[in-house]
Amino acid sequence: MWLDFVSVAKDANDELTIRLTAAEQRELETRLQKRQVKEFMNIFGNMIDNCFTSCVNDFTSKSISGAESGCLNRCVLKTMATNTRLGERFAELTAVMNNQMQNGR
């Protein structure tokens, strides 16, 4: 694994820190970016599958009906708003947990 040889040291607060070389930092950033893209594609694919299954019912025509189009728009907007709120809430809880960990030393 690429983290096998990173240096670990204690900082001024006597906490362990991991020090990465520039190459290791770039590799970590690349891996994180790839993971974020993969997660986004998974969420996007699930949204498409869910909204299509919920909204598209008439397969007798090549085009979607007005009702199906409206349903798809509402479904996509609702899904995006939900995911945005979940991300915000996750960030809020992460900040609270970080504060608790820092204050609980």
N, C-alpha and C. Protein backbone atom coordinates (compact mmCIF):
# COMPACT_ATOMS: atom_id res chain seq x y z
N MET A 1 0.85 -1.18 0.00
CA MET A 1 0.00 0.00 0.00
C MET A 1 0.89 1.24 0.00
N TRP A 2 0.39 2.32 -0.57
CA TRP A 2 1.22 3.49 -0.76
C TRP A 2 1.48 4.25 0.53
N LEU A 3 0.74 4.00 1.60
CA LEU A 3 0.98 4.67 2.87
C LEU A 3 1.94 3.89 3.77
N ASP A 4 2.53 2.83 3.26
CA ASP A 4 3.38 1.99 4.09
C ASP A 4 4.60 2.74 4.64
N PHE A 5 5.08 3.73 3.91
CA PHE A 5 6.33 4.35 4.31
C PHE A 5 6.19 5.84 4.63
N VAL A 6 5.00 6.29 4.95
CA VAL A 6 4.85 7.70 5.32
C VAL A 6 5.41 7.91 6.71
N SER A 7 5.82 9.12 6.97
CA SER A 7 6.38 9.39 8.29
C SER A 7 5.27 9.78 9.26
N VAL A 8 5.40 9.29 10.45
CA VAL A 8 4.45 9.61 11.52
C VAL A 8 5.25 10.28 12.62
N ALA A 9 4.72 11.40 13.10
CA ALA A 9 5.44 12.15 14.13
C ALA A 9 4.45 12.74 15.11
N LYS A 10 4.97 13.15 16.25
CA LYS A 10 4.14 13.85 17.24
C LYS A 10 4.32 15.34 17.03
N ASP A 11 3.18 16.06 17.09
CA ASP A 11 3.26 17.51 16.93
C ASP A 11 3.41 18.18 18.30
N ALA A 12 3.27 19.50 18.33
CA ALA A 12 3.47 20.25 19.57
C ALA A 12 2.45 19.88 20.65
N ASN A 13 1.30 19.41 20.25
CA ASN A 13 0.27 19.01 21.21
C ASN A 13 0.37 17.54 21.59
N ASP A 14 1.47 16.91 21.23
CA ASP A 14 1.72 15.50 21.54
C ASP A 14 0.71 14.58 20.84
N GLU A 15 0.23 15.02 19.67
CA GLU A 15 -0.68 14.19 18.89
C GLU A 15 0.09 13.61 17.71
N LEU A 16 -0.31 12.42 17.31
CA LEU A 16 0.32 11.80 16.15
C LEU A 16 -0.21 12.44 14.88
N THR A 17 0.69 12.78 13.99
CA THR A 17 0.31 13.33 12.69
C THR A 17 1.01 12.53 11.61
N ILE A 18 0.39 12.48 10.46
CA ILE A 18 0.97 11.79 9.31
C ILE A 18 1.48 12.85 8.35
N ARG A 19 2.72 12.70 7.96
CA ARG A 19 3.32 13.65 7.03
C ARG A 19 3.49 12.95 5.69
N LEU A 20 2.91 13.55 4.66
CA LEU A 20 2.98 12.98 3.32
C LEU A 20 3.96 13.76 2.47
N THR A 21 4.65 13.05 1.60
CA THR A 21 5.49 13.74 0.63
C THR A 21 4.57 14.37 -0.41
N ALA A 22 5.12 15.22 -1.25
CA ALA A 22 4.32 15.87 -2.29
C ALA A 22 3.71 14.82 -3.22
N ALA A 23 4.46 13.80 -3.57
CA ALA A 23 3.94 12.75 -4.45
C ALA A 23 2.82 11.97 -3.77
N GLU A 24 2.98 11.70 -2.48
CA GLU A 24 1.93 10.98 -1.75
C GLU A 24 0.68 11.83 -1.63
N GLN A 25 0.87 13.13 -1.42
CA GLN A 25 -0.27 14.06 -1.33
C GLN A 25 -1.02 14.09 -2.65
N ARG A 26 -0.30 14.15 -3.78
CA ARG A 26 -0.95 14.16 -5.09
C ARG A 26 -1.72 12.86 -5.32
N GLU A 27 -1.11 11.73 -4.94
CA GLU A 27 -1.78 10.46 -5.12
C GLU A 27 -3.04 10.37 -4.25
N LEU A 28 -2.95 10.85 -3.02
CA LEU A 28 -4.11 10.86 -2.14
C LEU A 28 -5.22 11.72 -2.73
N GLU A 29 -4.87 12.90 -3.24
CA GLU A 29 -5.86 13.79 -3.84
C GLU A 29 -6.50 13.13 -5.06
N THR A 30 -5.70 12.46 -5.88
CA THR A 30 -6.22 11.77 -7.06
C THR A 30 -7.19 10.67 -6.65
N ARG A 31 -6.82 9.89 -5.64
CA ARG A 31 -7.71 8.82 -5.17
C ARG A 31 -9.01 9.39 -4.62
N LEU A 32 -8.92 10.48 -3.86
CA LEU A 32 -10.13 11.10 -3.31
C LEU A 32 -11.03 11.64 -4.42
N GLN A 33 -10.42 12.25 -5.45
CA GLN A 33 -11.20 12.76 -6.56
C GLN A 33 -11.91 11.63 -7.30
N LYS A 34 -11.20 10.53 -7.52
CA LYS A 34 -11.81 9.38 -8.20
C LYS A 34 -12.96 8.82 -7.37
N ARG A 35 -12.77 8.77 -6.06
CA ARG A 35 -13.82 8.26 -5.18
C ARG A 35 -15.04 9.16 -5.22
N GLN A 36 -14.82 10.49 -5.21
CA GLN A 36 -15.93 11.43 -5.27
C GLN A 36 -16.70 11.29 -6.59
N VAL A 37 -15.99 11.12 -7.69
CA VAL A 37 -16.65 10.94 -8.98
C VAL A 37 -17.47 9.66 -8.97
N LYS A 38 -16.89 8.59 -8.42
CA LYS A 38 -17.59 7.31 -8.36
C LYS A 38 -18.86 7.43 -7.51
N GLU A 39 -18.76 8.10 -6.37
CA GLU A 39 -19.92 8.30 -5.49
C GLU A 39 -20.98 9.15 -6.18
N PHE A 40 -20.56 10.20 -6.88
CA PHE A 40 -21.51 11.05 -7.60
C PHE A 40 -22.22 10.24 -8.68
N MET A 41 -21.47 9.45 -9.43
CA MET A 41 -22.07 8.64 -10.49
C MET A 41 -23.05 7.62 -9.91
N ASN A 42 -22.75 7.08 -8.75
CA ASN A 42 -23.65 6.14 -8.10
C ASN A 42 -24.96 6.84 -7.69
N ILE A 43 -24.85 8.01 -7.09
CA ILE A 43 -26.03 8.79 -6.69
C ILE A 43 -26.84 9.17 -7.93
N PHE A 44 -26.16 9.63 -8.97
CA PHE A 44 -26.82 10.03 -10.21
C PHE A 44 -27.54 8.85 -10.85
N GLY A 45 -26.88 7.70 -10.91
CA GLY A 45 -27.49 6.50 -11.48
C GLY A 45 -28.70 6.05 -10.70
N ASN A 46 -28.61 6.11 -9.38
CA ASN A 46 -29.75 5.75 -8.54
C ASN A 46 -30.92 6.70 -8.75
N MET A 47 -30.62 7.99 -8.90
CA MET A 47 -31.67 8.97 -9.14
C MET A 47 -32.37 8.69 -10.46
N ILE A 48 -31.60 8.43 -11.50
CA ILE A 48 -32.18 8.15 -12.81
C ILE A 48 -33.07 6.91 -12.73
N ASP A 49 -32.56 5.86 -12.11
CA ASP A 49 -33.31 4.62 -12.00
C ASP A 49 -34.60 4.83 -11.21
N ASN A 50 -34.49 5.51 -10.07
CA ASN A 50 -35.66 5.74 -9.22
C ASN A 50 -36.70 6.61 -9.92
N CYS A 51 -36.27 7.71 -10.52
CA CYS A 51 -37.22 8.62 -11.16
C CYS A 51 -37.84 7.99 -12.40
N PHE A 52 -37.06 7.27 -13.18
CA PHE A 52 -37.62 6.61 -14.36
C PHE A 52 -38.65 5.58 -13.95
N THR A 53 -38.31 4.76 -12.96
CA THR A 53 -39.24 3.72 -12.50
C THR A 53 -40.52 4.33 -11.93
N SER A 54 -40.39 5.43 -11.22
CA SER A 54 -41.54 6.06 -10.59
C SER A 54 -42.41 6.84 -11.57
N CYS A 55 -41.82 7.39 -12.62
CA CYS A 55 -42.54 8.35 -13.45
C CYS A 55 -42.91 7.89 -14.85
N VAL A 56 -42.12 7.04 -15.45
CA VAL A 56 -42.37 6.66 -16.84
C VAL A 56 -43.17 5.37 -16.85
N ASN A 57 -44.40 5.47 -17.38
CA ASN A 57 -45.31 4.33 -17.36
C ASN A 57 -45.81 3.93 -18.74
N ASP A 58 -45.78 4.85 -19.69
CA ASP A 58 -46.36 4.60 -21.01
C ASP A 58 -45.25 4.33 -22.01
N PHE A 59 -45.18 3.10 -22.49
CA PHE A 59 -44.13 2.73 -23.44
C PHE A 59 -44.69 2.55 -24.84
N THR A 60 -45.88 3.13 -25.10
CA THR A 60 -46.48 3.01 -26.42
C THR A 60 -46.03 4.12 -27.36
N SER A 61 -45.27 5.08 -26.86
CA SER A 61 -44.79 6.21 -27.65
C SER A 61 -43.30 6.40 -27.42
N LYS A 62 -42.64 7.01 -28.42
CA LYS A 62 -41.21 7.29 -28.28
C LYS A 62 -40.94 8.44 -27.31
N SER A 63 -41.89 9.34 -27.18
CA SER A 63 -41.69 10.51 -26.32
C SER A 63 -42.42 10.33 -25.00
N ILE A 64 -41.95 11.10 -24.04
CA ILE A 64 -42.61 11.04 -22.73
C ILE A 64 -43.77 12.02 -22.71
N SER A 65 -44.77 11.72 -21.95
CA SER A 65 -45.95 12.58 -21.87
C SER A 65 -45.66 13.78 -20.98
N GLY A 66 -46.57 14.74 -21.02
CA GLY A 66 -46.43 15.92 -20.16
C GLY A 66 -46.45 15.55 -18.69
N ALA A 67 -47.31 14.61 -18.34
CA ALA A 67 -47.40 14.18 -16.94
C ALA A 67 -46.10 13.49 -16.51
N GLU A 68 -45.56 12.67 -17.39
CA GLU A 68 -44.30 11.99 -17.08
C GLU A 68 -43.16 12.99 -16.95
N SER A 69 -43.14 13.98 -17.83
CA SER A 69 -42.11 15.01 -17.79
C SER A 69 -42.18 15.80 -16.48
N GLY A 70 -43.38 16.18 -16.10
CA GLY A 70 -43.55 16.91 -14.83
C GLY A 70 -43.13 16.06 -13.65
N CYS A 71 -43.50 14.79 -13.66
CA CYS A 71 -43.12 13.87 -12.59
C CYS A 71 -41.59 13.74 -12.52
N LEU A 72 -40.95 13.59 -13.68
CA LEU A 72 -39.48 13.47 -13.71
C LEU A 72 -38.82 14.72 -13.16
N ASN A 73 -39.31 15.90 -13.56
CA ASN A 73 -38.74 17.16 -13.06
C ASN A 73 -38.87 17.25 -11.55
N ARG A 74 -40.06 16.95 -11.02
CA ARG A 74 -40.26 17.00 -9.57
C ARG A 74 -39.37 15.98 -8.86
N CYS A 75 -39.27 14.79 -9.41
CA CYS A 75 -38.47 13.73 -8.80
C CYS A 75 -36.99 14.13 -8.73
N VAL A 76 -36.48 14.66 -9.84
CA VAL A 76 -35.07 15.06 -9.88
C VAL A 76 -34.81 16.20 -8.91
N LEU A 77 -35.68 17.21 -8.91
CA LEU A 77 -35.51 18.34 -8.00
C LEU A 77 -35.57 17.90 -6.54
N LYS A 78 -36.53 17.03 -6.23
CA LYS A 78 -36.66 16.55 -4.86
C LYS A 78 -35.44 15.72 -4.44
N THR A 79 -34.96 14.88 -5.34
CA THR A 79 -33.79 14.05 -5.03
C THR A 79 -32.55 14.92 -4.81
N MET A 80 -32.37 15.92 -5.68
CA MET A 80 -31.22 16.81 -5.54
C MET A 80 -31.30 17.62 -4.25
N ALA A 81 -32.49 18.11 -3.92
CA ALA A 81 -32.65 18.87 -2.67
C ALA A 81 -32.39 17.99 -1.46
N THR A 82 -32.85 16.76 -1.52
CA THR A 82 -32.62 15.82 -0.42
C THR A 82 -31.13 15.54 -0.25
N ASN A 83 -30.44 15.27 -1.35
CA ASN A 83 -29.00 14.99 -1.27
C ASN A 83 -28.22 16.20 -0.79
N THR A 84 -28.64 17.39 -1.20
CA THR A 84 -27.99 18.62 -0.73
C THR A 84 -28.17 18.77 0.78
N ARG A 85 -29.38 18.56 1.25
CA ARG A 85 -29.65 18.67 2.69
C ARG A 85 -28.89 17.62 3.47
N LEU A 86 -28.84 16.40 2.94
CA LEU A 86 -28.08 15.35 3.63
C LEU A 86 -26.61 15.73 3.74
N GLY A 87 -26.05 16.29 2.67
CA GLY A 87 -24.66 16.73 2.70
C GLY A 87 -24.43 17.83 3.72
N GLU A 88 -25.36 18.77 3.78
CA GLU A 88 -25.25 19.86 4.76
C GLU A 88 -25.32 19.32 6.18
N ARG A 89 -26.27 18.42 6.41
CA ARG A 89 -26.43 17.85 7.76
C ARG A 89 -25.20 17.04 8.15
N PHE A 90 -24.66 16.28 7.20
CA PHE A 90 -23.45 15.51 7.47
C PHE A 90 -22.30 16.44 7.85
N ALA A 91 -22.17 17.56 7.14
CA ALA A 91 -21.11 18.52 7.45
C ALA A 91 -21.31 19.12 8.84
N GLU A 92 -22.57 19.41 9.19
CA GLU A 92 -22.87 19.95 10.53
C GLU A 92 -22.48 18.95 11.61
N LEU A 93 -22.89 17.71 11.43
CA LEU A 93 -22.58 16.69 12.43
C LEU A 93 -21.08 16.41 12.52
N THR A 94 -20.40 16.44 11.39
CA THR A 94 -18.95 16.24 11.39
C THR A 94 -18.26 17.36 12.17
N ALA A 95 -18.72 18.60 11.99
CA ALA A 95 -18.13 19.73 12.72
C ALA A 95 -18.36 19.56 14.22
N VAL A 96 -19.57 19.15 14.61
CA VAL A 96 -19.86 18.93 16.03
C VAL A 96 -18.96 17.84 16.60
N MET A 97 -18.83 16.74 15.88
CA MET A 97 -17.99 15.64 16.35
C MET A 97 -16.54 16.06 16.47
N ASN A 98 -16.05 16.83 15.49
CA ASN A 98 -14.66 17.31 15.55
C ASN A 98 -14.46 18.22 16.76
N ASN A 99 -15.42 19.11 17.04
CA ASN A 99 -15.32 19.97 18.21
C ASN A 99 -15.32 19.17 19.50
N GLN A 100 -16.18 18.16 19.56
CA GLN A 100 -16.24 17.32 20.75
C GLN A 100 -14.92 16.57 20.96
N MET A 101 -14.34 16.09 19.88
CA MET A 101 -13.07 15.37 19.99
C MET A 101 -11.95 16.31 20.43
N GLN A 102 -11.96 17.53 19.92
CA GLN A 102 -10.91 18.49 20.29
C GLN A 102 -11.07 18.96 21.72
N ASN A 103 -12.30 19.13 22.17
CA ASN A 103 -12.54 19.61 23.52
C ASN A 103 -12.45 18.50 24.55
N GLY A 104 -12.56 17.26 24.12
CA GLY A 104 -12.55 16.14 25.05
C GLY A 104 -11.18 15.57 25.31
N ARG A 105 -10.14 16.25 24.89
CA ARG A 105 -8.78 15.74 25.09
C ARG A 105 -8.43 15.64 26.53
